[in-house]
Amino acid sequence: MINYYLNNDLSMSEVASTHNLLCSQVSIWFKLFKEGGLEALKPKKKGRPSKVSKTSKKNARKMLKKESNEMEALRQELRQVKMERDILKKSLTLFGPLKPKIKR
């Protein structure tokens, strides 16, 4: 639209009416083009920007995976320690506590 406006000797209202647009829209686009060039006319992302970057998300996933591996190792160790404790308890009930020898 801006190129058409600049290359033809037409007013903004004539350019807008030939393309079925409002004159104010063509005016806004021309103002943006004068101030920022073609970059100003490119569409911009809408919405609030993400607080967490993609690299932070990847790092968070790695940390979560690492922590879950550590948790599984700790659970395994806890199972082992509980088994050892249970074996010691059973041996105490079967054989009784060790009694020190009394010296006379």
C-alpha atoms as a PDB file:
ATOM      1  CA  MET A   1       0.000   0.000   0.000  1.00  0.00           C
ATOM      2  CA  ILE A   2       2.754   2.411   0.903  1.00  0.00           C
ATOM      3  CA  ASN A   3       4.620   1.585  -2.301  1.00  0.00           C
ATOM      4  CA  TYR A   4       1.430   2.168  -4.301  1.00  0.00           C
ATOM      5  CA  TYR A   5       0.873   5.491  -2.530  1.00  0.00           C
ATOM      6  CA  LEU A   6       4.443   6.659  -3.154  1.00  0.00           C
ATOM      7  CA  ASN A   7       4.591   5.584  -6.822  1.00  0.00           C
ATOM      8  CA  ASN A   8       1.229   7.033  -7.892  1.00  0.00           C
ATOM      9  CA  ASP A   9       0.118  10.620  -7.646  1.00  0.00           C
ATOM     10  CA  LEU A  10      -2.933   9.844  -5.546  1.00  0.00           C
ATOM     11  CA  SER A  11      -4.043  11.140  -2.188  1.00  0.00           C
ATOM     12  CA  MET A  12      -4.259   8.833   0.817  1.00  0.00           C
ATOM     13  CA  SER A  13      -8.035   8.828   0.659  1.00  0.00           C
ATOM     14  CA  GLU A  14      -7.955   7.816  -3.029  1.00  0.00           C
ATOM     15  CA  VAL A  15      -5.505   4.990  -2.298  1.00  0.00           C
ATOM     16  CA  ALA A  16      -7.651   3.839   0.625  1.00  0.00           C
ATOM     17  CA  SER A  17     -10.856   3.866  -1.414  1.00  0.00           C
ATOM     18  CA  THR A  18      -9.284   1.901  -4.308  1.00  0.00           C
ATOM     19  CA  HIS A  19      -8.257  -0.852  -1.876  1.00  0.00           C
ATOM     20  CA  ASN A  20     -11.403  -0.703   0.275  1.00  0.00           C
ATOM     21  CA  LEU A  21      -9.605   0.559   3.388  1.00  0.00           C
ATOM     22  CA  LEU A  22     -10.015   3.454   5.762  1.00  0.00           C
ATOM     23  CA  CYS A  23      -7.920   6.527   5.077  1.00  0.00           C
ATOM     24  CA  SER A  24      -6.746   6.546   8.690  1.00  0.00           C
ATOM     25  CA  GLN A  25      -5.276   3.039   8.294  1.00  0.00           C
ATOM     26  CA  VAL A  26      -3.223   4.081   5.262  1.00  0.00           C
ATOM     27  CA  SER A  27      -2.108   7.168   7.176  1.00  0.00           C
ATOM     28  CA  ILE A  28      -1.000   5.059  10.148  1.00  0.00           C
ATOM     29  CA  TRP A  29       0.937   2.684   7.897  1.00  0.00           C
ATOM     30  CA  PHE A  30       2.638   5.602   6.098  1.00  0.00           C
ATOM     31  CA  LYS A  31       3.590   7.214   9.428  1.00  0.00           C
ATOM     32  CA  LEU A  32       5.055   3.930  10.686  1.00  0.00           C
ATOM     33  CA  PHE A  33       6.972   3.496   7.422  1.00  0.00           C
ATOM     34  CA  LYS A  34       8.450   7.003   7.642  1.00  0.00           C
ATOM     35  CA  GLU A  35       9.552   6.496  11.258  1.00  0.00           C
ATOM     36  CA  GLY A  36      10.824   2.911  11.185  1.00  0.00           C
ATOM     37  CA  GLY A  37      11.012   1.685   7.602  1.00  0.00           C
ATOM     38  CA  LEU A  38       9.833  -1.770   6.585  1.00  0.00           C
ATOM     39  CA  GLU A  39      10.688  -3.228   9.997  1.00  0.00           C
ATOM     40  CA  ALA A  40       8.022  -1.040  11.614  1.00  0.00           C
ATOM     41  CA  LEU A  41       5.353  -2.554   9.351  1.00  0.00           C
ATOM     42  CA  LYS A  42       6.165  -6.176  10.186  1.00  0.00           C
ATOM     43  CA  PRO A  43       3.753  -7.892  12.589  1.00  0.00           C
ATOM     44  CA  LYS A  44       4.819  -8.144  16.209  1.00  0.00           C
ATOM     45  CA  LYS A  45       4.177 -10.900  18.731  1.00  0.00           C
ATOM     46  CA  LYS A  46       1.098 -10.374  20.838  1.00  0.00           C
ATOM     47  CA  GLY A  47       0.699 -11.108  24.503  1.00  0.00           C
ATOM     48  CA  ARG A  48       2.927 -10.974  27.505  1.00  0.00           C
ATOM     49  CA  PRO A  49       6.489 -12.201  26.970  1.00  0.00           C
ATOM     50  CA  SER A  50       7.458 -15.408  28.719  1.00  0.00           C
ATOM     51  CA  LYS A  51       9.238 -14.953  32.041  1.00  0.00           C
ATOM     52  CA  VAL A  52      11.152 -18.212  31.618  1.00  0.00           C
ATOM     53  CA  SER A  53      13.331 -18.549  28.557  1.00  0.00           C
ATOM     54  CA  LYS A  54      13.551 -21.784  26.577  1.00  0.00           C
ATOM     55  CA  THR A  55      17.063 -22.434  27.851  1.00  0.00           C
ATOM     56  CA  SER A  56      15.839 -22.083  31.415  1.00  0.00           C
ATOM     57  CA  LYS A  57      13.088 -24.599  30.692  1.00  0.00           C
ATOM     58  CA  LYS A  58      15.642 -27.054  29.301  1.00  0.00           C
ATOM     59  CA  ASN A  59      17.857 -26.579  32.358  1.00  0.00           C
ATOM     60  CA  ALA A  60      14.856 -27.071  34.631  1.00  0.00           C
ATOM     61  CA  ARG A  61      13.992 -30.340  32.861  1.00  0.00           C
ATOM     62  CA  LYS A  62      17.583 -31.560  33.222  1.00  0.00           C
ATOM     63  CA  MET A  63      17.606 -30.656  36.909  1.00  0.00           C
ATOM     64  CA  LEU A  64      14.260 -32.390  37.432  1.00  0.00           C
ATOM     65  CA  LYS A  65      15.503 -35.540  35.716  1.00  0.00           C
ATOM     66  CA  LYS A  66      18.710 -35.471  37.763  1.00  0.00           C
ATOM     67  CA  GLU A  67      16.749 -35.014  41.000  1.00  0.00           C
ATOM     68  CA  SER A  68      14.371 -37.850  40.136  1.00  0.00           C
ATOM     69  CA  ASN A  69      17.387 -40.123  39.525  1.00  0.00           C
ATOM     70  CA  GLU A  70      18.833 -39.106  42.888  1.00  0.00           C
ATOM     71  CA  MET A  71      15.476 -39.738  44.583  1.00  0.00           C
ATOM     72  CA  GLU A  72      15.302 -43.228  43.065  1.00  0.00           C
ATOM     73  CA  ALA A  73      18.832 -43.993  44.284  1.00  0.00           C
ATOM     74  CA  LEU A  74      17.924 -42.789  47.790  1.00  0.00           C
ATOM     75  CA  ARG A  75      14.763 -44.922  47.801  1.00  0.00           C
ATOM     76  CA  GLN A  76      16.812 -47.952  46.778  1.00  0.00           C
ATOM     77  CA  GLU A  77      19.312 -47.274  49.569  1.00  0.00           C
ATOM     78  CA  LEU A  78      16.473 -46.855  52.073  1.00  0.00           C
ATOM     79  CA  ARG A  79      14.991 -50.231  51.055  1.00  0.00           C
ATOM     80  CA  GLN A  80      18.396 -51.848  51.544  1.00  0.00           C
ATOM     81  CA  VAL A  81      18.886 -50.293  54.994  1.00  0.00           C
ATOM     82  CA  LYS A  82      15.380 -51.340  56.084  1.00  0.00           C
ATOM     83  CA  MET A  83      16.071 -54.902  54.981  1.00  0.00           C
ATOM     84  CA  GLU A  84      19.317 -54.981  56.939  1.00  0.00           C
ATOM     85  CA  ARG A  85      17.538 -53.577  60.007  1.00  0.00           C
ATOM     86  CA  ASP A  86      14.804 -56.213  59.771  1.00  0.00           C
ATOM     87  CA  ILE A  87      17.409 -58.986  59.508  1.00  0.00           C
ATOM     88  CA  LEU A  88      19.176 -57.676  62.616  1.00  0.00           C
ATOM     89  CA  LYS A  89      15.882 -57.507  64.540  1.00  0.00           C
ATOM     90  CA  LYS A  90      15.042 -61.112  63.634  1.00  0.00           C
ATOM     91  CA  SER A  91      18.487 -62.314  64.597  1.00  0.00           C
ATOM     92  CA  LEU A  92      18.115 -60.610  67.991  1.00  0.00           C
ATOM     93  CA  THR A  93      14.808 -62.372  68.627  1.00  0.00           C
ATOM     94  CA  LEU A  94      16.229 -65.745  67.594  1.00  0.00           C
ATOM     95  CA  PHE A  95      19.608 -65.618  69.267  1.00  0.00           C
ATOM     96  CA  GLY A  96      19.081 -63.003  71.956  1.00  0.00           C
ATOM     97  CA  PRO A  97      21.358 -60.103  72.763  1.00  0.00           C
ATOM     98  CA  LEU A  98      25.011 -60.768  73.249  1.00  0.00           C
ATOM     99  CA  LYS A  99      25.772 -61.043  76.932  1.00  0.00           C
ATOM    100  CA  PRO A 100      29.182 -59.952  78.122  1.00  0.00           C
ATOM    101  CA  LYS A 101      31.109 -62.609  80.006  1.00  0.00           C
ATOM    102  CA  ILE A 102      31.304 -61.958  83.683  1.00  0.00           C
ATOM    103  CA  LYS A 103      34.836 -62.168  85.060  1.00  0.00           C
ATOM    104  CA  ARG A 104      35.277 -63.515  88.560  1.00  0.00           C
END
